[in-house]
Amino acid sequence: MYAISNEYMSDRDFEQYYSDLKELFATEGWKQLVADAEDEFAIYNSVDLIPANQSLEYNRGYIKALTWLMDRPVSLELEAKQRATKTV
């Protein structure tokens, strides 16, 4: 899984980053992007549907990228909680 660590951001920078992404996640555009990613995930997650000229590794990479995108709100919340426990 891809990991983006913001542990070296200042608390103030992280708060702005967190706020900006929370605002993004609440938009209709984000919801549509995630719905499209879920549709793509369903297509690329089946070995039976891989055309003969596409490699399995390509599909795996694509699935990882889609998963990262769809899980970003959850991973952001986890990171915020981890930062909060470190500062307490």
PDB file of N, CA and C in Angstrom:
ATOM      1  N   MET A   1       0.843  -1.171   0.000  1.00  0.00           N
ATOM      2  CA  MET A   1       0.000   0.000   0.000  1.00  0.00           C
ATOM      3  C   MET A   1       0.885   1.230   0.000  1.00  0.00           C
ATOM      4  N   TYR A   2       0.425   2.249  -0.658  1.00  0.00           N
ATOM      5  CA  TYR A   2       1.145   3.509  -0.667  1.00  0.00           C
ATOM      6  C   TYR A   2       0.913   4.216   0.658  1.00  0.00           C
ATOM      7  N   ALA A   3       1.925   4.870   1.157  1.00  0.00           N
ATOM      8  CA  ALA A   3       1.783   5.600   2.407  1.00  0.00           C
ATOM      9  C   ALA A   3       2.332   7.003   2.222  1.00  0.00           C
ATOM     10  N   ILE A   4       1.576   7.946   2.684  1.00  0.00           N
ATOM     11  CA  ILE A   4       2.042   9.319   2.695  1.00  0.00           C
ATOM     12  C   ILE A   4       2.109   9.712   4.158  1.00  0.00           C
ATOM     13  N   SER A   5       3.278  10.087   4.586  1.00  0.00           N
ATOM     14  CA  SER A   5       3.451  10.479   5.975  1.00  0.00           C
ATOM     15  C   SER A   5       3.591  11.986   6.058  1.00  0.00           C
ATOM     16  N   ASN A   6       2.842  12.553   6.949  1.00  0.00           N
ATOM     17  CA  ASN A   6       2.909  13.991   7.177  1.00  0.00           C
ATOM     18  C   ASN A   6       3.498  14.272   8.548  1.00  0.00           C
ATOM     19  N   GLU A   7       4.240  13.307   9.083  1.00  0.00           N
ATOM     20  CA  GLU A   7       4.752  13.443  10.440  1.00  0.00           C
ATOM     21  C   GLU A   7       5.732  14.602  10.582  1.00  0.00           C
ATOM     22  N   TYR A   8       6.344  15.032   9.492  1.00  0.00           N
ATOM     23  CA  TYR A   8       7.307  16.128   9.571  1.00  0.00           C
ATOM     24  C   TYR A   8       6.669  17.493   9.355  1.00  0.00           C
ATOM     25  N   MET A   9       5.355  17.514   9.113  1.00  0.00           N
ATOM     26  CA  MET A   9       4.649  18.787   9.012  1.00  0.00           C
ATOM     27  C   MET A   9       4.503  19.370  10.411  1.00  0.00           C
ATOM     28  N   SER A  10       4.523  20.686  10.471  1.00  0.00           N
ATOM     29  CA  SER A  10       4.219  21.319  11.758  1.00  0.00           C
ATOM     30  C   SER A  10       2.741  21.067  12.061  1.00  0.00           C
ATOM     31  N   ASP A  11       2.373  21.208  13.318  1.00  0.00           N
ATOM     32  CA  ASP A  11       0.969  21.015  13.685  1.00  0.00           C
ATOM     33  C   ASP A  11       0.068  21.982  12.930  1.00  0.00           C
ATOM     34  N   ARG A  12       0.525  23.205  12.791  1.00  0.00           N
ATOM     35  CA  ARG A  12      -0.267  24.203  12.083  1.00  0.00           C
ATOM     36  C   ARG A  12      -0.452  23.826  10.611  1.00  0.00           C
ATOM     37  N   ASP A  13       0.630  23.389   9.963  1.00  0.00           N
ATOM     38  CA  ASP A  13       0.542  22.973   8.560  1.00  0.00           C
ATOM     39  C   ASP A  13      -0.363  21.760   8.403  1.00  0.00           C
ATOM     40  N   PHE A  14      -0.252  20.814   9.331  1.00  0.00           N
ATOM     41  CA  PHE A  14      -1.098  19.629   9.250  1.00  0.00           C
ATOM     42  C   PHE A  14      -2.564  19.996   9.443  1.00  0.00           C
ATOM     43  N   GLU A  15      -2.849  20.896  10.366  1.00  0.00           N
ATOM     44  CA  GLU A  15      -4.236  21.312  10.587  1.00  0.00           C
ATOM     45  C   GLU A  15      -4.832  21.927   9.323  1.00  0.00           C
ATOM     46  N   GLN A  16      -4.045  22.725   8.611  1.00  0.00           N
ATOM     47  CA  GLN A  16      -4.520  23.322   7.358  1.00  0.00           C
ATOM     48  C   GLN A  16      -4.722  22.238   6.295  1.00  0.00           C
ATOM     49  N   TYR A  17      -3.753  21.334   6.190  1.00  0.00           N
ATOM     50  CA  TYR A  17      -3.820  20.211   5.248  1.00  0.00           C
ATOM     51  C   TYR A  17      -5.058  19.369   5.536  1.00  0.00           C
ATOM     52  N   TYR A  18      -5.260  19.028   6.788  1.00  0.00           N
ATOM     53  CA  TYR A  18      -6.406  18.218   7.224  1.00  0.00           C
ATOM     54  C   TYR A  18      -7.711  18.932   6.880  1.00  0.00           C
ATOM     55  N   SER A  19      -7.792  20.202   7.197  1.00  0.00           N
ATOM     56  CA  SER A  19      -8.991  20.986   6.925  1.00  0.00           C
ATOM     57  C   SER A  19      -9.291  21.044   5.427  1.00  0.00           C
ATOM     58  N   ASP A  20      -8.258  21.274   4.637  1.00  0.00           N
ATOM     59  CA  ASP A  20      -8.438  21.347   3.176  1.00  0.00           C
ATOM     60  C   ASP A  20      -8.953  20.031   2.612  1.00  0.00           C
ATOM     61  N   LEU A  21      -8.368  18.923   3.073  1.00  0.00           N
ATOM     62  CA  LEU A  21      -8.818  17.625   2.555  1.00  0.00           C
ATOM     63  C   LEU A  21     -10.215  17.268   3.046  1.00  0.00           C
ATOM     64  N   LYS A  22     -10.540  17.585   4.290  1.00  0.00           N
ATOM     65  CA  LYS A  22     -11.903  17.322   4.783  1.00  0.00           C
ATOM     66  C   LYS A  22     -12.921  18.090   3.940  1.00  0.00           C
ATOM     67  N   GLU A  23     -12.583  19.315   3.583  1.00  0.00           N
ATOM     68  CA  GLU A  23     -13.462  20.116   2.726  1.00  0.00           C
ATOM     69  C   GLU A  23     -13.613  19.451   1.357  1.00  0.00           C
ATOM     70  N   LEU A  24     -12.507  18.969   0.810  1.00  0.00           N
ATOM     71  CA  LEU A  24     -12.536  18.280  -0.481  1.00  0.00           C
ATOM     72  C   LEU A  24     -13.419  17.027  -0.415  1.00  0.00           C
ATOM     73  N   PHE A  25     -13.259  16.237   0.635  1.00  0.00           N
ATOM     74  CA  PHE A  25     -13.999  14.981   0.757  1.00  0.00           C
ATOM     75  C   PHE A  25     -15.511  15.197   0.854  1.00  0.00           C
ATOM     76  N   ALA A  26     -15.929  16.382   1.254  1.00  0.00           N
ATOM     77  CA  ALA A  26     -17.359  16.671   1.394  1.00  0.00           C
ATOM     78  C   ALA A  26     -18.005  17.136   0.090  1.00  0.00           C
ATOM     79  N   THR A  27     -17.207  17.334  -0.965  1.00  0.00           N
ATOM     80  CA  THR A  27     -17.772  17.851  -2.215  1.00  0.00           C
ATOM     81  C   THR A  27     -18.419  16.748  -3.059  1.00  0.00           C
ATOM     82  N   GLU A  28     -19.334  17.174  -3.903  1.00  0.00           N
ATOM     83  CA  GLU A  28     -19.975  16.226  -4.823  1.00  0.00           C
ATOM     84  C   GLU A  28     -18.959  15.676  -5.821  1.00  0.00           C
ATOM     85  N   GLY A  29     -18.005  16.503  -6.200  1.00  0.00           N
ATOM     86  CA  GLY A  29     -16.974  16.048  -7.129  1.00  0.00           C
ATOM     87  C   GLY A  29     -16.167  14.890  -6.561  1.00  0.00           C
ATOM     88  N   TRP A  30     -15.817  14.978  -5.273  1.00  0.00           N
ATOM     89  CA  TRP A  30     -15.073  13.885  -4.630  1.00  0.00           C
ATOM     90  C   TRP A  30     -15.924  12.619  -4.609  1.00  0.00           C
ATOM     91  N   LYS A  31     -17.189  12.770  -4.252  1.00  0.00           N
ATOM     92  CA  LYS A  31     -18.087  11.610  -4.183  1.00  0.00           C
ATOM     93  C   LYS A  31     -18.203  10.937  -5.549  1.00  0.00           C
ATOM     94  N   GLN A  32     -18.266  11.741  -6.615  1.00  0.00           N
ATOM     95  CA  GLN A  32     -18.337  11.173  -7.964  1.00  0.00           C
ATOM     96  C   GLN A  32     -17.032  10.489  -8.342  1.00  0.00           C
ATOM     97  N   LEU A  33     -15.906  11.108  -7.979  1.00  0.00           N
ATOM     98  CA  LEU A  33     -14.606  10.507  -8.258  1.00  0.00           C
ATOM     99  C   LEU A  33     -14.476   9.152  -7.565  1.00  0.00           C
ATOM    100  N   VAL A  34     -14.899   9.066  -6.315  1.00  0.00           N
ATOM    101  CA  VAL A  34     -14.836   7.795  -5.581  1.00  0.00           C
ATOM    102  C   VAL A  34     -15.772   6.769  -6.210  1.00  0.00           C
ATOM    103  N   ALA A  35     -16.954   7.186  -6.625  1.00  0.00           N
ATOM    104  CA  ALA A  35     -17.881   6.261  -7.291  1.00  0.00           C
ATOM    105  C   ALA A  35     -17.267   5.721  -8.583  1.00  0.00           C
ATOM    106  N   ASP A  36     -16.626   6.594  -9.341  1.00  0.00           N
ATOM    107  CA  ASP A  36     -15.947   6.152 -10.566  1.00  0.00           C
ATOM    108  C   ASP A  36     -14.798   5.198 -10.242  1.00  0.00           C
ATOM    109  N   ALA A  37     -14.044   5.512  -9.187  1.00  0.00           N
ATOM    110  CA  ALA A  37     -12.934   4.645  -8.774  1.00  0.00           C
ATOM    111  C   ALA A  37     -13.449   3.273  -8.339  1.00  0.00           C
ATOM    112  N   GLU A  38     -14.577   3.245  -7.648  1.00  0.00           N
ATOM    113  CA  GLU A  38     -15.161   1.970  -7.233  1.00  0.00           C
ATOM    114  C   GLU A  38     -15.587   1.138  -8.449  1.00  0.00           C
ATOM    115  N   ASP A  39     -16.138   1.804  -9.461  1.00  0.00           N
ATOM    116  CA  ASP A  39     -16.511   1.105 -10.696  1.00  0.00           C
ATOM    117  C   ASP A  39     -15.271   0.526 -11.380  1.00  0.00           C
ATOM    118  N   GLU A  40     -14.226   1.336 -11.466  1.00  0.00           N
ATOM    119  CA  GLU A  40     -12.968   0.873 -12.063  1.00  0.00           C
ATOM    120  C   GLU A  40     -12.382  -0.285 -11.265  1.00  0.00           C
ATOM    121  N   PHE A  41     -12.441  -0.170  -9.955  1.00  0.00           N
ATOM    122  CA  PHE A  41     -11.915  -1.214  -9.090  1.00  0.00           C
ATOM    123  C   PHE A  41     -12.619  -2.542  -9.377  1.00  0.00           C
ATOM    124  N   ALA A  42     -13.929  -2.494  -9.503  1.00  0.00           N
ATOM    125  CA  ALA A  42     -14.698  -3.711  -9.782  1.00  0.00           C
ATOM    126  C   ALA A  42     -14.279  -4.335 -11.111  1.00  0.00           C
ATOM    127  N   ILE A  43     -13.987  -3.505 -12.089  1.00  0.00           N
ATOM    128  CA  ILE A  43     -13.576  -4.009 -13.399  1.00  0.00           C
ATOM    129  C   ILE A  43     -12.179  -4.610 -13.347  1.00  0.00           C
ATOM    130  N   TYR A  44     -11.238  -3.893 -12.741  1.00  0.00           N
ATOM    131  CA  TYR A  44      -9.838  -4.321 -12.751  1.00  0.00           C
ATOM    132  C   TYR A  44      -9.502  -5.351 -11.687  1.00  0.00           C
ATOM    133  N   ASN A  45     -10.425  -5.615 -10.764  1.00  0.00           N
ATOM    134  CA  ASN A  45     -10.154  -6.554  -9.684  1.00  0.00           C
ATOM    135  C   ASN A  45     -10.487  -7.990 -10.060  1.00  0.00           C
ATOM    136  N   SER A  46     -10.878  -8.234 -11.282  1.00  0.00           N
ATOM    137  CA  SER A  46     -11.205  -9.586 -11.726  1.00  0.00           C
ATOM    138  C   SER A  46     -10.159 -10.071 -12.734  1.00  0.00           C
ATOM    139  N   VAL A  47      -9.489 -11.137 -12.395  1.00  0.00           N
ATOM    140  CA  VAL A  47      -8.470 -11.710 -13.283  1.00  0.00           C
ATOM    141  C   VAL A  47      -9.103 -12.151 -14.600  1.00  0.00           C
ATOM    142  N   ASP A  48     -10.326 -12.604 -14.539  1.00  0.00           N
ATOM    143  CA  ASP A  48     -11.010 -13.083 -15.744  1.00  0.00           C
ATOM    144  C   ASP A  48     -11.204 -11.984 -16.789  1.00  0.00           C
ATOM    145  N   LEU A  49     -11.236 -10.739 -16.344  1.00  0.00           N
ATOM    146  CA  LEU A  49     -11.510  -9.640 -17.265  1.00  0.00           C
ATOM    147  C   LEU A  49     -10.251  -8.982 -17.821  1.00  0.00           C
ATOM    148  N   ILE A  50      -9.078  -9.473 -17.447  1.00  0.00           N
ATOM    149  CA  ILE A  50      -7.830  -8.887 -17.932  1.00  0.00           C
ATOM    150  C   ILE A  50      -7.606  -9.333 -19.378  1.00  0.00           C
ATOM    151  N   PRO A  51      -7.538  -8.378 -20.294  1.00  0.00           N
ATOM    152  CA  PRO A  51      -7.262  -8.740 -21.686  1.00  0.00           C
ATOM    153  C   PRO A  51      -5.893  -9.409 -21.801  1.00  0.00           C
ATOM    154  N   ALA A  52      -5.752 -10.244 -22.799  1.00  0.00           N
ATOM    155  CA  ALA A  52      -4.518 -11.012 -22.976  1.00  0.00           C
ATOM    156  C   ALA A  52      -3.287 -10.122 -23.098  1.00  0.00           C
ATOM    157  N   ASN A  53      -3.446  -8.940 -23.638  1.00  0.00           N
ATOM    158  CA  ASN A  53      -2.286  -8.086 -23.845  1.00  0.00           C
ATOM    159  C   ASN A  53      -1.960  -7.174 -22.659  1.00  0.00           C
ATOM    160  N   GLN A  54      -2.743  -7.253 -21.602  1.00  0.00           N
ATOM    161  CA  GLN A  54      -2.439  -6.480 -20.397  1.00  0.00           C
ATOM    162  C   GLN A  54      -1.794  -7.384 -19.364  1.00  0.00           C
ATOM    163  N   SER A  55      -0.841  -6.827 -18.648  1.00  0.00           N
ATOM    164  CA  SER A  55      -0.179  -7.642 -17.635  1.00  0.00           C
ATOM    165  C   SER A  55      -0.922  -7.578 -16.305  1.00  0.00           C
ATOM    166  N   LEU A  56      -0.766  -8.628 -15.549  1.00  0.00           N
ATOM    167  CA  LEU A  56      -1.350  -8.692 -14.216  1.00  0.00           C
ATOM    168  C   LEU A  56      -0.738  -7.611 -13.321  1.00  0.00           C
ATOM    169  N   GLU A  57       0.548  -7.336 -13.505  1.00  0.00           N
ATOM    170  CA  GLU A  57       1.219  -6.314 -12.701  1.00  0.00           C
ATOM    171  C   GLU A  57       0.618  -4.932 -12.946  1.00  0.00           C
ATOM    172  N   TYR A  58       0.258  -4.629 -14.169  1.00  0.00           N
ATOM    173  CA  TYR A  58      -0.388  -3.360 -14.475  1.00  0.00           C
ATOM    174  C   TYR A  58      -1.676  -3.233 -13.671  1.00  0.00           C
ATOM    175  N   ASN A  59      -2.477  -4.294 -13.687  1.00  0.00           N
ATOM    176  CA  ASN A  59      -3.745  -4.281 -12.965  1.00  0.00           C
ATOM    177  C   ASN A  59      -3.531  -4.143 -11.460  1.00  0.00           C
ATOM    178  N   ARG A  60      -2.527  -4.835 -10.947  1.00  0.00           N
ATOM    179  CA  ARG A  60      -2.228  -4.731  -9.510  1.00  0.00           C
ATOM    180  C   ARG A  60      -1.875  -3.298  -9.141  1.00  0.00           C
ATOM    181  N   GLY A  61      -1.048  -2.659  -9.932  1.00  0.00           N
ATOM    182  CA  GLY A  61      -0.671  -1.274  -9.669  1.00  0.00           C
ATOM    183  C   GLY A  61      -1.864  -0.333  -9.738  1.00  0.00           C
ATOM    184  N   TYR A  62      -2.708  -0.561 -10.719  1.00  0.00           N
ATOM    185  CA  TYR A  62      -3.899   0.266 -10.886  1.00  0.00           C
ATOM    186  C   TYR A  62      -4.839   0.091  -9.692  1.00  0.00           C
ATOM    187  N   ILE A  63      -5.006  -1.136  -9.251  1.00  0.00           N
ATOM    188  CA  ILE A  63      -5.858  -1.426  -8.098  1.00  0.00           C
ATOM    189  C   ILE A  63      -5.295  -0.772  -6.840  1.00  0.00           C
ATOM    190  N   LYS A  64      -3.970  -0.815  -6.665  1.00  0.00           N
ATOM    191  CA  LYS A  64      -3.363  -0.164  -5.496  1.00  0.00           C
ATOM    192  C   LYS A  64      -3.629   1.335  -5.505  1.00  0.00           C
ATOM    193  N   ALA A  65      -3.500   1.950  -6.665  1.00  0.00           N
ATOM    194  CA  ALA A  65      -3.743   3.389  -6.766  1.00  0.00           C
ATOM    195  C   ALA A  65      -5.209   3.724  -6.480  1.00  0.00           C
ATOM    196  N   LEU A  66      -6.123   2.927  -7.014  1.00  0.00           N
ATOM    197  CA  LEU A  66      -7.545   3.148  -6.751  1.00  0.00           C
ATOM    198  C   LEU A  66      -7.865   2.959  -5.281  1.00  0.00           C
ATOM    199  N   THR A  67      -7.276   1.951  -4.665  1.00  0.00           N
ATOM    200  CA  THR A  67      -7.506   1.686  -3.248  1.00  0.00           C
ATOM    201  C   THR A  67      -7.003   2.850  -2.401  1.00  0.00           C
ATOM    202  N   TRP A  68      -5.812   3.354  -2.730  1.00  0.00           N
ATOM    203  CA  TRP A  68      -5.280   4.503  -1.992  1.00  0.00           C
ATOM    204  C   TRP A  68      -6.244   5.684  -2.074  1.00  0.00           C
ATOM    205  N   LEU A  69      -6.743   5.945  -3.264  1.00  0.00           N
ATOM    206  CA  LEU A  69      -7.661   7.058  -3.466  1.00  0.00           C
ATOM    207  C   LEU A  69      -8.938   6.870  -2.650  1.00  0.00           C
ATOM    208  N   MET A  70      -9.524   5.701  -2.727  1.00  0.00           N
ATOM    209  CA  MET A  70     -10.790   5.451  -2.034  1.00  0.00           C
ATOM    210  C   MET A  70     -10.619   5.437  -0.512  1.00  0.00           C
ATOM    211  N   ASP A  71      -9.443   5.033  -0.032  1.00  0.00           N
ATOM    212  CA  ASP A  71      -9.194   4.948   1.408  1.00  0.00           C
ATOM    213  C   ASP A  71      -8.622   6.228   2.004  1.00  0.00           C
ATOM    214  N   ARG A  72      -8.374   7.229   1.189  1.00  0.00           N
ATOM    215  CA  ARG A  72      -7.709   8.443   1.687  1.00  0.00           C
ATOM    216  C   ARG A  72      -8.442   9.107   2.844  1.00  0.00           C
ATOM    217  N   PRO A  73      -9.775   9.233   2.821  1.00  0.00           N
ATOM    218  CA  PRO A  73     -10.438   9.848   3.982  1.00  0.00           C
ATOM    219  C   PRO A  73     -10.183   9.077   5.284  1.00  0.00           C
ATOM    220  N   VAL A  74     -10.200   7.764   5.207  1.00  0.00           N
ATOM    221  CA  VAL A  74      -9.967   6.941   6.406  1.00  0.00           C
ATOM    222  C   VAL A  74      -8.526   7.087   6.885  1.00  0.00           C
ATOM    223  N   SER A  75      -7.576   7.027   5.971  1.00  0.00           N
ATOM    224  CA  SER A  75      -6.172   7.138   6.373  1.00  0.00           C
ATOM    225  C   SER A  75      -5.867   8.527   6.937  1.00  0.00           C
ATOM    226  N   LEU A  76      -6.514   9.563   6.428  1.00  0.00           N
ATOM    227  CA  LEU A  76      -6.323  10.911   6.966  1.00  0.00           C
ATOM    228  C   LEU A  76      -6.834  10.993   8.401  1.00  0.00           C
ATOM    229  N   GLU A  77      -7.989  10.401   8.659  1.00  0.00           N
ATOM    230  CA  GLU A  77      -8.537  10.391  10.024  1.00  0.00           C
ATOM    231  C   GLU A  77      -7.616   9.639  10.984  1.00  0.00           C
ATOM    232  N   LEU A  78      -7.094   8.506  10.533  1.00  0.00           N
ATOM    233  CA  LEU A  78      -6.168   7.736  11.375  1.00  0.00           C
ATOM    234  C   LEU A  78      -4.919   8.544  11.688  1.00  0.00           C
ATOM    235  N   GLU A  79      -4.403   9.226  10.708  1.00  0.00           N
ATOM    236  CA  GLU A  79      -3.211  10.042  10.926  1.00  0.00           C
ATOM    237  C   GLU A  79      -3.502  11.176  11.902  1.00  0.00           C
ATOM    238  N   ALA A  80      -4.654  11.805  11.769  1.00  0.00           N
ATOM    239  CA  ALA A  80      -5.026  12.890  12.680  1.00  0.00           C
ATOM    240  C   ALA A  80      -5.123  12.367  14.119  1.00  0.00           C
ATOM    241  N   LYS A  81      -5.701  11.189  14.296  1.00  0.00           N
ATOM    242  CA  LYS A  81      -5.808  10.596  15.638  1.00  0.00           C
ATOM    243  C   LYS A  81      -4.436  10.261  16.201  1.00  0.00           C
ATOM    244  N   GLN A  82      -3.544   9.731  15.357  1.00  0.00           N
ATOM    245  CA  GLN A  82      -2.192   9.414  15.811  1.00  0.00           C
ATOM    246  C   GLN A  82      -1.455  10.675  16.235  1.00  0.00           C
ATOM    247  N   ARG A  83      -1.590  11.729  15.465  1.00  0.00           N
ATOM    248  CA  ARG A  83      -0.938  13.003  15.825  1.00  0.00           C
ATOM    249  C   ARG A  83      -1.506  13.545  17.124  1.00  0.00           C
ATOM    250  N   ALA A  84      -2.818  13.411  17.311  1.00  0.00           N
ATOM    251  CA  ALA A  84      -3.449  13.924  18.520  1.00  0.00           C
ATOM    252  C   ALA A  84      -2.951  13.178  19.765  1.00  0.00           C
ATOM    253  N   THR A  85      -2.739  11.873  19.644  1.00  0.00           N
ATOM    254  CA  THR A  85      -2.275  11.114  20.807  1.00  0.00           C
ATOM    255  C   THR A  85      -0.813  11.411  21.125  1.00  0.00           C
ATOM    256  N   LYS A  86      -0.045  11.804  20.123  1.00  0.00           N
ATOM    257  CA  LYS A  86       1.373  12.141  20.345  1.00  0.00           C
ATOM    258  C   LYS A  86       1.516  13.480  21.062  1.00  0.00           C
ATOM    259  N   THR A  87       0.565  14.376  20.844  1.00  0.00           N
ATOM    260  CA  THR A  87       0.669  15.705  21.435  1.00  0.00           C
ATOM    261  C   THR A  87       0.034  15.780  22.813  1.00  0.00           C
ATOM    262  N   VAL A  88      -0.664  14.738  23.216  1.00  0.00           N
ATOM    263  CA  VAL A  88      -1.320  14.746  24.530  1.00  0.00           C
ATOM    264  C   VAL A  88      -0.354  14.348  25.601  1.00  0.00           C
TER     265      VAL A  88
END
